[in-house]
Amino acid sequence: MKRPEQAAGWVVIFCCAAALCWVTGLGTAQAWTVSELLDGVQRRYKQIRDLEAEFRQEATLPMVNRVTEAAGKLYLKIPGKMRWEYLEGQEKIVVINGDTMWFYEPAEQQVTVTDLSRVPNSQELLTFLTGMGDLRREFLVEEAQPPVETREGYLGVKLLPKSKSSQWTSLRLLVEPGTFHVVQTAFEGLQGERTLIQYYNIRTDLGLPEELFHFKIPEGVDVLHYPPDRPKP
């Protein structure tokens, strides 16, 4: 069984992968439909080559009665590459390249290597990482309902997973009118865990080097594999 910190790391990656795309060129009309917002998100996400941003995260884990805060930088490259560097809070690095995810915790001297192709419902995550994803294919959307406007003027959209065996119960995106950046995400899991993430200083198409997305396992650390290797017959 994975520790709560590892589970939280997985949740964070999914939530951010789903949200780190934003709508541009949609105009400044006051009334927006959910369909228009999602179509714009899809179009913009397929247009970018790479992305760099700073993030601030708050994760609530009710199963251990814990609230943790963290901040750092993230890098995304289409298709299927991502790197998270946690610089405030507990230091850790997460790198995804294709079907492989490395989760490095320096304080624990431990690296968890995950084969995403063997993780149930990982397509919900990979949908966004490949740049070929379809929000409506993986999620249920109440498109007849207008986006919810917050007191600050942001537009909120709620997505529900289609798979009955999903590890997630909902994903909420908060979009800024005018720029239509996704400025915040809120993700809820089956155990009541909730991850809130804010994004800022977002930049795109910087020509990020491939080296950012290749993780070299440090010498002397423990290496865990998930799912565990199948025993040989």
C-alpha atoms as a PDB file:
ATOM      1  CA  MET A   1       0.000   0.000   0.000  1.00  0.00           C
ATOM      2  CA  LYS A   2       1.283   3.439  -0.867  1.00  0.00           C
ATOM      3  CA  ARG A   3       1.861   5.918   1.939  1.00  0.00           C
ATOM      4  CA  PRO A   4      -0.466   8.967   2.194  1.00  0.00           C
ATOM      5  CA  GLU A   5       2.265  11.264   0.875  1.00  0.00           C
ATOM      6  CA  GLN A   6       2.684   9.148  -2.251  1.00  0.00           C
ATOM      7  CA  ALA A   7      -1.053   9.016  -2.829  1.00  0.00           C
ATOM      8  CA  ALA A   8      -1.215  12.790  -2.446  1.00  0.00           C
ATOM      9  CA  GLY A   9       1.563  13.184  -4.995  1.00  0.00           C
ATOM     10  CA  TRP A  10      -0.410  11.158  -7.539  1.00  0.00           C
ATOM     11  CA  VAL A  11      -3.526  13.238  -6.890  1.00  0.00           C
ATOM     12  CA  VAL A  12      -1.627  16.473  -7.372  1.00  0.00           C
ATOM     13  CA  ILE A  13      -0.168  15.359 -10.692  1.00  0.00           C
ATOM     14  CA  PHE A  14      -3.521  14.379 -12.107  1.00  0.00           C
ATOM     15  CA  CYS A  15      -5.236  17.521 -10.988  1.00  0.00           C
ATOM     16  CA  CYS A  16      -2.602  19.798 -12.446  1.00  0.00           C
ATOM     17  CA  ALA A  17      -2.237  17.902 -15.660  1.00  0.00           C
ATOM     18  CA  ALA A  18      -5.945  18.370 -16.216  1.00  0.00           C
ATOM     19  CA  ALA A  19      -5.898  22.048 -15.450  1.00  0.00           C
ATOM     20  CA  LEU A  20      -2.691  23.503 -16.858  1.00  0.00           C
ATOM     21  CA  CYS A  21      -4.247  24.612 -20.090  1.00  0.00           C
ATOM     22  CA  TRP A  22      -6.127  27.823 -20.721  1.00  0.00           C
ATOM     23  CA  VAL A  23      -8.452  29.455 -23.185  1.00  0.00           C
ATOM     24  CA  THR A  24      -7.434  32.366 -25.403  1.00  0.00           C
ATOM     25  CA  GLY A  25      -9.089  34.082 -28.323  1.00  0.00           C
ATOM     26  CA  LEU A  26     -12.604  33.536 -26.970  1.00  0.00           C
ATOM     27  CA  GLY A  27     -13.524  37.206 -26.676  1.00  0.00           C
ATOM     28  CA  THR A  28     -14.920  39.070 -23.691  1.00  0.00           C
ATOM     29  CA  ALA A  29     -18.637  38.253 -23.753  1.00  0.00           C
ATOM     30  CA  GLN A  30     -20.309  38.173 -20.350  1.00  0.00           C
ATOM     31  CA  ALA A  31     -22.290  34.938 -20.843  1.00  0.00           C
ATOM     32  CA  TRP A  32     -20.309  31.736 -21.323  1.00  0.00           C
ATOM     33  CA  THR A  33     -21.458  28.148 -21.645  1.00  0.00           C
ATOM     34  CA  VAL A  34     -19.587  25.178 -20.229  1.00  0.00           C
ATOM     35  CA  SER A  35     -19.273  23.836 -23.763  1.00  0.00           C
ATOM     36  CA  GLU A  36     -17.527  27.007 -24.983  1.00  0.00           C
ATOM     37  CA  LEU A  37     -15.070  26.935 -22.093  1.00  0.00           C
ATOM     38  CA  LEU A  38     -14.189  23.271 -22.566  1.00  0.00           C
ATOM     39  CA  ASP A  39     -13.840  23.599 -26.336  1.00  0.00           C
ATOM     40  CA  GLY A  40     -11.459  26.502 -25.819  1.00  0.00           C
ATOM     41  CA  VAL A  41      -9.420  24.567 -23.265  1.00  0.00           C
ATOM     42  CA  GLN A  42      -9.066  21.677 -25.698  1.00  0.00           C
ATOM     43  CA  ARG A  43      -8.013  23.898 -28.583  1.00  0.00           C
ATOM     44  CA  ARG A  44      -5.440  25.831 -26.585  1.00  0.00           C
ATOM     45  CA  TYR A  45      -3.923  22.754 -24.977  1.00  0.00           C
ATOM     46  CA  LYS A  46      -3.322  21.200 -28.377  1.00  0.00           C
ATOM     47  CA  GLN A  47      -1.618  24.385 -29.617  1.00  0.00           C
ATOM     48  CA  ILE A  48       1.111  24.751 -26.996  1.00  0.00           C
ATOM     49  CA  ARG A  49       4.461  22.960 -27.224  1.00  0.00           C
ATOM     50  CA  ASP A  50       5.628  23.434 -23.640  1.00  0.00           C
ATOM     51  CA  LEU A  51       4.799  25.316 -20.463  1.00  0.00           C
ATOM     52  CA  GLU A  52       6.485  26.620 -17.303  1.00  0.00           C
ATOM     53  CA  ALA A  53       4.664  27.901 -14.213  1.00  0.00           C
ATOM     54  CA  GLU A  54       4.837  28.364 -10.469  1.00  0.00           C
ATOM     55  CA  PHE A  55       2.276  26.741  -8.217  1.00  0.00           C
ATOM     56  CA  ARG A  56       1.021  26.782  -4.645  1.00  0.00           C
ATOM     57  CA  GLN A  57      -0.771  23.763  -3.252  1.00  0.00           C
ATOM     58  CA  GLU A  58      -2.859  22.860  -0.222  1.00  0.00           C
ATOM     59  CA  ALA A  59      -3.679  19.182   0.320  1.00  0.00           C
ATOM     60  CA  THR A  60      -6.157  17.925   2.912  1.00  0.00           C
ATOM     61  CA  LEU A  61      -5.853  14.262   3.916  1.00  0.00           C
ATOM     62  CA  PRO A  62      -8.721  13.451   6.308  1.00  0.00           C
ATOM     63  CA  MET A  63      -7.645   9.821   6.694  1.00  0.00           C
ATOM     64  CA  VAL A  64      -4.600  11.009   8.665  1.00  0.00           C
ATOM     65  CA  ASN A  65      -6.096  14.339   9.820  1.00  0.00           C
ATOM     66  CA  ARG A  66      -3.442  16.352   8.012  1.00  0.00           C
ATOM     67  CA  VAL A  67      -3.282  19.530   5.942  1.00  0.00           C
ATOM     68  CA  THR A  68      -0.060  20.177   4.055  1.00  0.00           C
ATOM     69  CA  GLU A  69       1.097  23.186   2.057  1.00  0.00           C
ATOM     70  CA  ALA A  70       3.704  23.264  -0.674  1.00  0.00           C
ATOM     71  CA  ALA A  71       4.937  25.415  -3.540  1.00  0.00           C
ATOM     72  CA  GLY A  72       7.306  25.079  -6.438  1.00  0.00           C
ATOM     73  CA  LYS A  73       7.733  25.049 -10.203  1.00  0.00           C
ATOM     74  CA  LEU A  74       6.377  22.832 -12.921  1.00  0.00           C
ATOM     75  CA  TYR A  75       7.360  22.133 -16.494  1.00  0.00           C
ATOM     76  CA  LEU A  76       5.179  20.539 -19.164  1.00  0.00           C
ATOM     77  CA  LYS A  77       6.094  19.416 -22.648  1.00  0.00           C
ATOM     78  CA  ILE A  78       3.711  18.021 -25.231  1.00  0.00           C
ATOM     79  CA  PRO A  79       3.328  15.138 -25.703  1.00  0.00           C
ATOM     80  CA  GLY A  80       3.405  13.261 -22.410  1.00  0.00           C
ATOM     81  CA  LYS A  81       6.204  14.937 -20.410  1.00  0.00           C
ATOM     82  CA  MET A  82       5.982  16.718 -17.069  1.00  0.00           C
ATOM     83  CA  ARG A  83       8.238  17.724 -14.181  1.00  0.00           C
ATOM     84  CA  TRP A  84       7.221  19.039 -10.738  1.00  0.00           C
ATOM     85  CA  GLU A  85       9.801  20.496  -8.357  1.00  0.00           C
ATOM     86  CA  TYR A  86       8.533  21.083  -4.817  1.00  0.00           C
ATOM     87  CA  LEU A  87      10.695  23.875  -3.389  1.00  0.00           C
ATOM     88  CA  GLU A  88       8.670  24.834  -0.290  1.00  0.00           C
ATOM     89  CA  GLY A  89       7.347  22.293   2.176  1.00  0.00           C
ATOM     90  CA  GLN A  90       8.630  18.739   1.884  1.00  0.00           C
ATOM     91  CA  GLU A  91      11.128  18.630  -0.976  1.00  0.00           C
ATOM     92  CA  LYS A  92      10.292  16.202  -3.763  1.00  0.00           C
ATOM     93  CA  ILE A  93      10.514  15.830  -7.520  1.00  0.00           C
ATOM     94  CA  VAL A  94       7.996  14.205  -9.848  1.00  0.00           C
ATOM     95  CA  VAL A  95       8.887  13.439 -13.460  1.00  0.00           C
ATOM     96  CA  ILE A  96       6.600  11.859 -16.053  1.00  0.00           C
ATOM     97  CA  ASN A  97       7.840  10.758 -19.452  1.00  0.00           C
ATOM     98  CA  GLY A  98       5.464   8.625 -21.492  1.00  0.00           C
ATOM     99  CA  ASP A  99       4.270   5.651 -19.432  1.00  0.00           C
ATOM    100  CA  THR A 100       6.828   6.106 -16.631  1.00  0.00           C
ATOM    101  CA  MET A 101       6.533   8.281 -13.531  1.00  0.00           C
ATOM    102  CA  TRP A 102       9.370   8.860 -11.021  1.00  0.00           C
ATOM    103  CA  PHE A 103       8.458  10.158  -7.550  1.00  0.00           C
ATOM    104  CA  TYR A 104      11.632  11.157  -5.664  1.00  0.00           C
ATOM    105  CA  GLU A 105      11.662  12.034  -1.958  1.00  0.00           C
ATOM    106  CA  PRO A 106      15.180  13.139  -0.969  1.00  0.00           C
ATOM    107  CA  ALA A 107      14.415  13.151   2.768  1.00  0.00           C
ATOM    108  CA  GLU A 108      13.307   9.513   2.562  1.00  0.00           C
ATOM    109  CA  GLN A 109      16.114   8.570   0.172  1.00  0.00           C
ATOM    110  CA  GLN A 110      13.477   6.857  -1.931  1.00  0.00           C
ATOM    111  CA  VAL A 111      12.294   6.792  -5.548  1.00  0.00           C
ATOM    112  CA  THR A 112       8.993   5.229  -6.585  1.00  0.00           C
ATOM    113  CA  VAL A 113       8.879   4.231 -10.256  1.00  0.00           C
ATOM    114  CA  THR A 114       5.328   3.826 -11.566  1.00  0.00           C
ATOM    115  CA  ASP A 115       4.378   2.061 -14.787  1.00  0.00           C
ATOM    116  CA  LEU A 116       1.365   4.144 -15.794  1.00  0.00           C
ATOM    117  CA  SER A 117       0.343   1.623 -18.451  1.00  0.00           C
ATOM    118  CA  ARG A 118      -0.436  -0.829 -15.610  1.00  0.00           C
ATOM    119  CA  VAL A 119      -2.336   1.607 -13.394  1.00  0.00           C
ATOM    120  CA  PRO A 120      -6.148   1.328 -13.655  1.00  0.00           C
ATOM    121  CA  ASN A 121      -7.802   4.439 -15.087  1.00  0.00           C
ATOM    122  CA  SER A 122      -4.460   6.119 -15.725  1.00  0.00           C
ATOM    123  CA  GLN A 123      -5.934   7.235 -19.051  1.00  0.00           C
ATOM    124  CA  GLU A 124      -7.689   9.974 -17.092  1.00  0.00           C
ATOM    125  CA  LEU A 125      -4.221  11.392 -16.452  1.00  0.00           C
ATOM    126  CA  LEU A 126      -2.604  10.477 -19.768  1.00  0.00           C
ATOM    127  CA  THR A 127      -5.461  12.114 -21.678  1.00  0.00           C
ATOM    128  CA  PHE A 128      -4.039  15.500 -20.800  1.00  0.00           C
ATOM    129  CA  LEU A 129      -0.346  14.638 -20.923  1.00  0.00           C
ATOM    130  CA  THR A 130      -0.417  13.417 -24.513  1.00  0.00           C
ATOM    131  CA  GLY A 131      -2.089  16.521 -25.904  1.00  0.00           C
ATOM    132  CA  MET A 132      -4.635  14.246 -27.597  1.00  0.00           C
ATOM    133  CA  GLY A 133      -7.142  14.148 -24.767  1.00  0.00           C
ATOM    134  CA  ASP A 134     -10.877  14.669 -24.920  1.00  0.00           C
ATOM    135  CA  LEU A 135     -12.457  16.024 -21.748  1.00  0.00           C
ATOM    136  CA  ARG A 136     -15.862  14.717 -22.740  1.00  0.00           C
ATOM    137  CA  ARG A 137     -14.501  11.218 -23.324  1.00  0.00           C
ATOM    138  CA  GLU A 138     -13.130  10.822 -19.799  1.00  0.00           C
ATOM    139  CA  PHE A 139     -15.527  13.048 -17.846  1.00  0.00           C
ATOM    140  CA  LEU A 140     -19.213  13.758 -17.443  1.00  0.00           C
ATOM    141  CA  VAL A 141     -20.027  17.429 -17.898  1.00  0.00           C
ATOM    142  CA  GLU A 142     -23.305  19.199 -17.147  1.00  0.00           C
ATOM    143  CA  GLU A 143     -23.136  21.284 -20.291  1.00  0.00           C
ATOM    144  CA  ALA A 144     -26.715  22.533 -19.941  1.00  0.00           C
ATOM    145  CA  GLN A 145     -25.753  24.385 -16.762  1.00  0.00           C
ATOM    146  CA  PRO A 146     -23.879  27.709 -17.089  1.00  0.00           C
ATOM    147  CA  PRO A 147     -20.470  28.078 -15.400  1.00  0.00           C
ATOM    148  CA  VAL A 148     -20.670  29.206 -11.781  1.00  0.00           C
ATOM    149  CA  GLU A 149     -19.333  32.738 -11.283  1.00  0.00           C
ATOM    150  CA  THR A 150     -17.424  33.358  -8.047  1.00  0.00           C
ATOM    151  CA  ARG A 151     -17.418  36.561  -6.021  1.00  0.00           C
ATOM    152  CA  GLU A 152     -14.040  37.419  -7.597  1.00  0.00           C
ATOM    153  CA  GLY A 153     -15.488  37.054 -11.092  1.00  0.00           C
ATOM    154  CA  TYR A 154     -13.916  33.697 -11.976  1.00  0.00           C
ATOM    155  CA  LEU A 155     -15.882  31.001 -13.815  1.00  0.00           C
ATOM    156  CA  GLY A 156     -16.095  27.542 -12.263  1.00  0.00           C
ATOM    157  CA  VAL A 157     -16.619  24.244 -14.109  1.00  0.00           C
ATOM    158  CA  LYS A 158     -17.141  20.858 -12.455  1.00  0.00           C
ATOM    159  CA  LEU A 159     -16.103  17.582 -14.127  1.00  0.00           C
ATOM    160  CA  LEU A 160     -17.091  14.072 -12.986  1.00  0.00           C
ATOM    161  CA  PRO A 161     -15.219  10.895 -14.022  1.00  0.00           C
ATOM    162  CA  LYS A 162     -17.130   8.510 -16.266  1.00  0.00           C
ATOM    163  CA  SER A 163     -15.413   5.375 -14.967  1.00  0.00           C
ATOM    164  CA  LYS A 164     -17.130   3.783 -11.958  1.00  0.00           C
ATOM    165  CA  SER A 165     -13.757   2.484 -10.770  1.00  0.00           C
ATOM    166  CA  SER A 166     -12.103   5.902 -10.880  1.00  0.00           C
ATOM    167  CA  GLN A 167      -9.956   7.052  -7.952  1.00  0.00           C
ATOM    168  CA  TRP A 168     -11.415  10.559  -8.242  1.00  0.00           C
ATOM    169  CA  THR A 169     -14.885  11.918  -7.490  1.00  0.00           C
ATOM    170  CA  SER A 170     -14.686  15.383  -9.040  1.00  0.00           C
ATOM    171  CA  LEU A 171     -12.401  17.986 -10.576  1.00  0.00           C
ATOM    172  CA  ARG A 172     -13.237  21.702 -10.489  1.00  0.00           C
ATOM    173  CA  LEU A 173     -11.570  24.252 -12.753  1.00  0.00           C
ATOM    174  CA  LEU A 174     -11.584  27.984 -12.025  1.00  0.00           C
ATOM    175  CA  VAL A 175     -11.128  30.147 -15.128  1.00  0.00           C
ATOM    176  CA  GLU A 176     -10.274  33.855 -15.292  1.00  0.00           C
ATOM    177  CA  PRO A 177     -12.452  35.821 -17.761  1.00  0.00           C
ATOM    178  CA  GLY A 178     -10.567  37.961 -20.245  1.00  0.00           C
ATOM    179  CA  THR A 179      -7.354  35.936 -20.181  1.00  0.00           C
ATOM    180  CA  PHE A 180      -9.232  32.668 -19.579  1.00  0.00           C
ATOM    181  CA  HIS A 181      -6.326  31.201 -17.696  1.00  0.00           C
ATOM    182  CA  VAL A 182      -7.161  28.312 -15.387  1.00  0.00           C
ATOM    183  CA  VAL A 183      -6.063  29.965 -12.156  1.00  0.00           C
ATOM    184  CA  GLN A 184      -7.107  27.290  -9.678  1.00  0.00           C
ATOM    185  CA  THR A 185      -8.112  23.634  -9.496  1.00  0.00           C
ATOM    186  CA  ALA A 186      -9.808  21.658  -6.745  1.00  0.00           C
ATOM    187  CA  PHE A 187      -9.652  17.893  -6.848  1.00  0.00           C
ATOM    188  CA  GLU A 188     -11.515  15.428  -4.610  1.00  0.00           C
ATOM    189  CA  GLY A 189     -10.677  11.751  -4.111  1.00  0.00           C
ATOM    190  CA  LEU A 190     -12.575   8.707  -2.872  1.00  0.00           C
ATOM    191  CA  GLN A 191     -11.211   8.951   0.676  1.00  0.00           C
ATOM    192  CA  GLY A 192     -12.284  12.575   1.050  1.00  0.00           C
ATOM    193  CA  GLU A 193      -8.837  13.960   0.215  1.00  0.00           C
ATOM    194  CA  ARG A 194      -8.890  17.384  -1.394  1.00  0.00           C
ATOM    195  CA  THR A 195      -6.138  19.169  -3.269  1.00  0.00           C
ATOM    196  CA  LEU A 196      -6.354  22.878  -4.049  1.00  0.00           C
ATOM    197  CA  ILE A 197      -3.762  24.329  -6.435  1.00  0.00           C
ATOM    198  CA  GLN A 198      -3.196  27.873  -7.663  1.00  0.00           C
ATOM    199  CA  TYR A 199      -1.062  28.716 -10.716  1.00  0.00           C
ATOM    200  CA  TYR A 200       0.795  31.902 -11.553  1.00  0.00           C
ATOM    201  CA  ASN A 201       3.644  33.259 -13.702  1.00  0.00           C
ATOM    202  CA  ILE A 202       2.598  30.914 -16.507  1.00  0.00           C
ATOM    203  CA  ARG A 203       4.731  30.998 -19.672  1.00  0.00           C
ATOM    204  CA  THR A 204       4.462  28.891 -22.811  1.00  0.00           C
ATOM    205  CA  ASP A 205       6.530  27.780 -25.810  1.00  0.00           C
ATOM    206  CA  LEU A 206       9.925  28.395 -24.218  1.00  0.00           C
ATOM    207  CA  GLY A 207      11.732  25.522 -25.905  1.00  0.00           C
ATOM    208  CA  LEU A 208      12.270  23.569 -22.684  1.00  0.00           C
ATOM    209  CA  PRO A 209      15.229  21.148 -22.863  1.00  0.00           C
ATOM    210  CA  GLU A 210      14.582  17.398 -22.984  1.00  0.00           C
ATOM    211  CA  GLU A 211      16.914  16.917 -20.010  1.00  0.00           C
ATOM    212  CA  LEU A 212      14.215  18.273 -17.690  1.00  0.00           C
ATOM    213  CA  PHE A 213      12.096  15.206 -18.391  1.00  0.00           C
ATOM    214  CA  HIS A 214      14.738  12.508 -17.953  1.00  0.00           C
ATOM    215  CA  PHE A 215      15.173  11.438 -14.338  1.00  0.00           C
ATOM    216  CA  LYS A 216      18.444   9.839 -13.246  1.00  0.00           C
ATOM    217  CA  ILE A 217      17.998   7.826 -10.058  1.00  0.00           C
ATOM    218  CA  PRO A 218      20.571   8.966  -7.458  1.00  0.00           C
ATOM    219  CA  GLU A 219      23.016   6.384  -6.170  1.00  0.00           C
ATOM    220  CA  GLY A 220      22.220   4.755  -2.841  1.00  0.00           C
ATOM    221  CA  VAL A 221      18.482   5.464  -2.731  1.00  0.00           C
ATOM    222  CA  ASP A 222      15.773   2.839  -2.290  1.00  0.00           C
ATOM    223  CA  VAL A 223      13.847   2.121  -5.480  1.00  0.00           C
ATOM    224  CA  LEU A 224      10.239   0.929  -5.299  1.00  0.00           C
ATOM    225  CA  HIS A 225       8.177  -0.196  -8.273  1.00  0.00           C
ATOM    226  CA  TYR A 226       4.444   0.312  -8.663  1.00  0.00           C
ATOM    227  CA  PRO A 227       2.536  -1.763  -9.440  1.00  0.00           C
ATOM    228  CA  PRO A 228       4.861  -4.397  -7.915  1.00  0.00           C
ATOM    229  CA  ASP A 229       6.575  -6.657 -10.409  1.00  0.00           C
ATOM    230  CA  ARG A 230       4.555  -9.791 -11.092  1.00  0.00           C
ATOM    231  CA  PRO A 231       6.088 -12.972  -9.631  1.00  0.00           C
ATOM    232  CA  LYS A 232       7.541 -15.307 -12.223  1.00  0.00           C
ATOM    233  CA  PRO A 233       5.646 -18.607 -12.693  1.00  0.00           C
END
